[in-house]
């Protein structure tokens, strides 16, 4: 005996609305990450951590005394902890909003189309699937774009610092 499940295709207006909600969530999460996370502070922390890591690796390769290595590690650990705290802070705002949308708002607003779907890349996505796919795909793309922007900004900041040092060295001689 075969059972046939009848499901209707999701209306395009609903798909557009779900994508719009997903885009608004991504805009909110990006803004929260940039405002709460303080990207400039993160870049400075990363630069200090990278410099200390290089020094630590050099000490290990040179078979430096364990006390000296331990001292360098003790300098690095607070920076790593601060970096972790700065990274996690935005998640305290972003995750509750995601769970609120995903488990409360969307099921309440779209309960009447719970069995309707849209086929995307041979996958059947219901309203939660459309929202999650939008947030996932556009979120990754946004993260990549922001990462490229931050790298360029870091490079420009480094060049400005080097130019200021060069100008200062030129005036001192």
Protein backbone atom coordinates (compact mmCIF):
# COMPACT_ATOMS: atom_id res chain seq x y z
CA UNK A 1 0.00 0.00 0.00
CA UNK A 2 1.42 3.34 -1.04
CA UNK A 3 0.71 6.62 0.65
CA UNK A 4 0.79 9.82 -1.29
CA UNK A 5 1.41 13.08 0.50
CA UNK A 6 -0.18 16.02 -1.24
CA UNK A 7 1.69 19.25 -0.74
CA UNK A 8 1.19 22.49 -2.56
CA UNK A 9 3.89 24.70 -3.92
CA UNK A 10 4.66 27.76 -1.82
CA UNK A 11 3.42 31.07 -3.31
CA UNK A 12 6.21 33.27 -4.69
CA UNK A 13 5.05 36.22 -2.55
CA UNK A 14 5.67 34.13 0.56
CA UNK A 15 9.14 33.15 -0.67
CA UNK A 16 9.97 36.82 -1.28
CA UNK A 17 8.68 37.74 2.19
CA UNK A 18 10.79 35.00 3.81
CA UNK A 19 13.87 36.13 1.89
CA UNK A 20 13.20 39.73 2.97
CA UNK A 21 12.95 38.62 6.61
CA UNK A 22 16.22 36.70 6.19
CA UNK A 23 17.94 39.74 4.67
CA UNK A 24 16.71 41.95 7.51
CA UNK A 25 18.09 39.45 10.02
CA UNK A 26 21.45 39.41 8.21
CA UNK A 27 21.53 43.22 8.22
CA UNK A 28 20.79 43.20 11.96
CA UNK A 29 23.42 40.56 12.72
CA UNK A 30 26.07 42.32 10.62
CA UNK A 31 25.32 45.63 12.31
CA UNK A 32 25.44 43.98 15.75
CA UNK A 33 28.78 42.34 14.94
CA UNK A 34 30.25 45.63 13.75
CA UNK A 35 28.94 47.76 16.60
CA UNK A 36 29.23 45.38 19.56
CA UNK A 37 32.29 43.49 18.31
CA UNK A 38 34.44 46.59 17.60
CA UNK A 39 36.34 45.50 14.44
CA UNK A 40 39.17 48.00 14.98
CA UNK A 41 39.88 46.53 18.42
CA UNK A 42 39.74 43.03 16.91
CA UNK A 43 42.26 43.97 14.23
CA UNK A 44 44.63 45.43 16.84
CA UNK A 45 44.29 42.33 19.02
CA UNK A 46 44.96 40.08 16.03
CA UNK A 47 48.08 42.04 15.12
CA UNK A 48 49.44 41.83 18.69
CA UNK A 49 48.60 38.14 18.93
CA UNK A 50 50.29 37.41 15.59
CA UNK A 51 53.44 39.30 16.63
CA UNK A 52 53.59 37.46 19.97
CA UNK A 53 52.96 34.11 18.26
CA UNK A 54 55.84 34.73 15.87
CA UNK A 55 58.12 35.63 18.78
CA UNK A 56 56.99 32.52 20.66
CA UNK A 57 57.62 30.28 17.63
CA UNK A 58 61.06 31.82 17.20
CA UNK A 59 61.88 31.13 20.87
CA UNK A 60 60.77 27.51 20.53
CA UNK A 61 62.87 27.02 17.38
CA UNK A 62 65.90 28.54 19.13
CA UNK A 63 65.44 26.16 22.08
CA UNK A 64 65.12 29.12 24.42
CA UNK A 65 64.85 28.51 28.17
CA UNK A 66 61.46 27.28 29.32
CA UNK A 67 61.03 30.30 31.59
CA UNK A 68 61.35 32.67 28.64
CA UNK A 69 58.85 30.63 26.61
CA UNK A 70 56.44 30.52 29.56
CA UNK A 71 56.74 34.30 29.97
CA UNK A 72 55.86 34.84 26.30
CA UNK A 73 52.92 32.44 26.62
CA UNK A 74 51.67 34.30 29.67
CA UNK A 75 51.67 37.51 27.59
CA UNK A 76 49.72 35.79 24.82
CA UNK A 77 47.00 34.13 26.93
CA UNK A 78 45.24 37.33 28.15
CA UNK A 79 45.15 38.58 24.55
CA UNK A 80 43.57 35.33 23.40
CA UNK A 81 41.01 35.55 26.18
CA UNK A 82 40.15 39.14 25.32
CA UNK A 83 39.88 38.20 21.64
CA UNK A 84 37.47 35.41 22.52
CA UNK A 85 35.31 37.71 24.68
CA UNK A 86 35.19 40.34 21.95
CA UNK A 87 34.18 37.69 19.40
CA UNK A 88 31.44 36.20 21.55
CA UNK A 89 29.81 39.45 22.72
CA UNK A 90 27.83 40.05 19.48
CA UNK A 91 26.47 36.50 19.64
CA UNK A 92 24.62 37.42 22.85
CA UNK A 93 22.44 39.72 20.74
CA UNK A 94 22.38 37.79 17.47
CA UNK A 95 21.50 34.27 18.61
CA UNK A 96 18.41 35.12 20.71
CA UNK A 97 16.96 37.08 17.78
CA UNK A 98 17.60 34.13 15.43
CA UNK A 99 15.94 31.65 17.80
CA UNK A 100 13.05 34.03 18.37
CA UNK A 101 12.49 34.34 14.62
CA UNK A 102 13.06 30.67 13.80
CA UNK A 103 11.07 29.07 16.60
CA UNK A 104 8.41 31.65 17.45
CA UNK A 105 7.77 34.37 14.87
CA UNK A 106 8.01 32.36 11.64
CA UNK A 107 5.96 29.35 12.85
CA UNK A 108 3.30 31.73 14.15
CA UNK A 109 3.19 33.84 10.99
CA UNK A 110 3.41 30.98 8.48
CA UNK A 111 1.59 28.15 10.26
CA UNK A 112 -1.05 28.07 7.52
CA UNK A 113 1.54 27.08 4.89
CA UNK A 114 3.44 24.57 7.00
CA UNK A 115 3.02 21.83 4.36
CA UNK A 116 3.83 23.99 1.35
CA UNK A 117 7.31 23.99 -0.13
CA UNK A 118 9.49 25.36 -2.87
CA UNK A 119 11.91 23.16 -4.80
CA UNK A 120 15.42 24.57 -4.88
CA UNK A 121 18.35 22.52 -6.24
CA UNK A 122 16.19 19.40 -6.00
CA UNK A 123 15.53 20.07 -2.30
CA UNK A 124 12.07 20.71 -0.96
CA UNK A 125 12.23 23.68 1.38
CA UNK A 126 9.35 24.72 3.61
CA UNK A 127 9.13 28.24 5.05
CA UNK A 128 11.81 27.53 7.70
CA UNK A 129 14.08 25.99 5.07
CA UNK A 130 13.76 29.04 2.82
CA UNK A 131 14.56 31.37 5.72
CA UNK A 132 17.52 29.27 6.89
CA UNK A 133 18.91 28.86 3.35
CA UNK A 134 18.71 32.62 2.80
CA UNK A 135 20.40 33.41 6.10
CA UNK A 136 23.08 30.76 5.54
CA UNK A 137 23.99 31.60 1.93
CA UNK A 138 23.74 35.39 2.14
CA UNK A 139 25.35 35.34 5.60
CA UNK A 140 28.41 33.51 4.28
CA UNK A 141 28.64 35.88 1.30
CA UNK A 142 28.35 38.88 3.62
CA UNK A 143 31.03 37.47 5.93
CA UNK A 144 33.42 36.99 3.01
CA UNK A 145 32.84 40.54 1.77
CA UNK A 146 33.39 41.96 5.27
CA UNK A 147 36.53 39.86 5.71
CA UNK A 148 37.96 41.24 2.44
CA UNK A 149 37.04 44.78 3.52
CA UNK A 150 38.68 44.31 6.93
CA UNK A 151 41.87 42.96 5.36
CA UNK A 152 42.09 45.97 3.06
CA UNK A 153 41.42 48.28 5.99
CA UNK A 154 44.14 46.56 8.05
CA UNK A 155 46.59 46.93 5.19
CA UNK A 156 45.79 50.64 4.87
CA UNK A 157 46.16 51.14 8.63
CA UNK A 158 49.54 49.40 8.56
CA UNK A 159 50.68 51.55 5.64
CA UNK A 160 49.56 54.70 7.47
CA UNK A 161 51.48 53.67 10.60
CA UNK A 162 54.61 52.90 8.54
CA UNK A 163 54.29 56.23 6.71
CA UNK A 164 53.95 58.09 10.03
CA UNK A 165 57.03 56.29 11.38
CA UNK A 166 58.97 57.11 8.23
CA UNK A 167 57.92 60.76 8.41
CA UNK A 168 58.85 60.90 12.10
CA UNK A 169 62.24 59.30 11.37
CA UNK A 170 62.78 61.84 8.56
CA UNK A 171 62.10 64.80 10.86
CA UNK A 172 64.34 63.43 13.63
CA UNK A 173 67.41 63.23 11.39
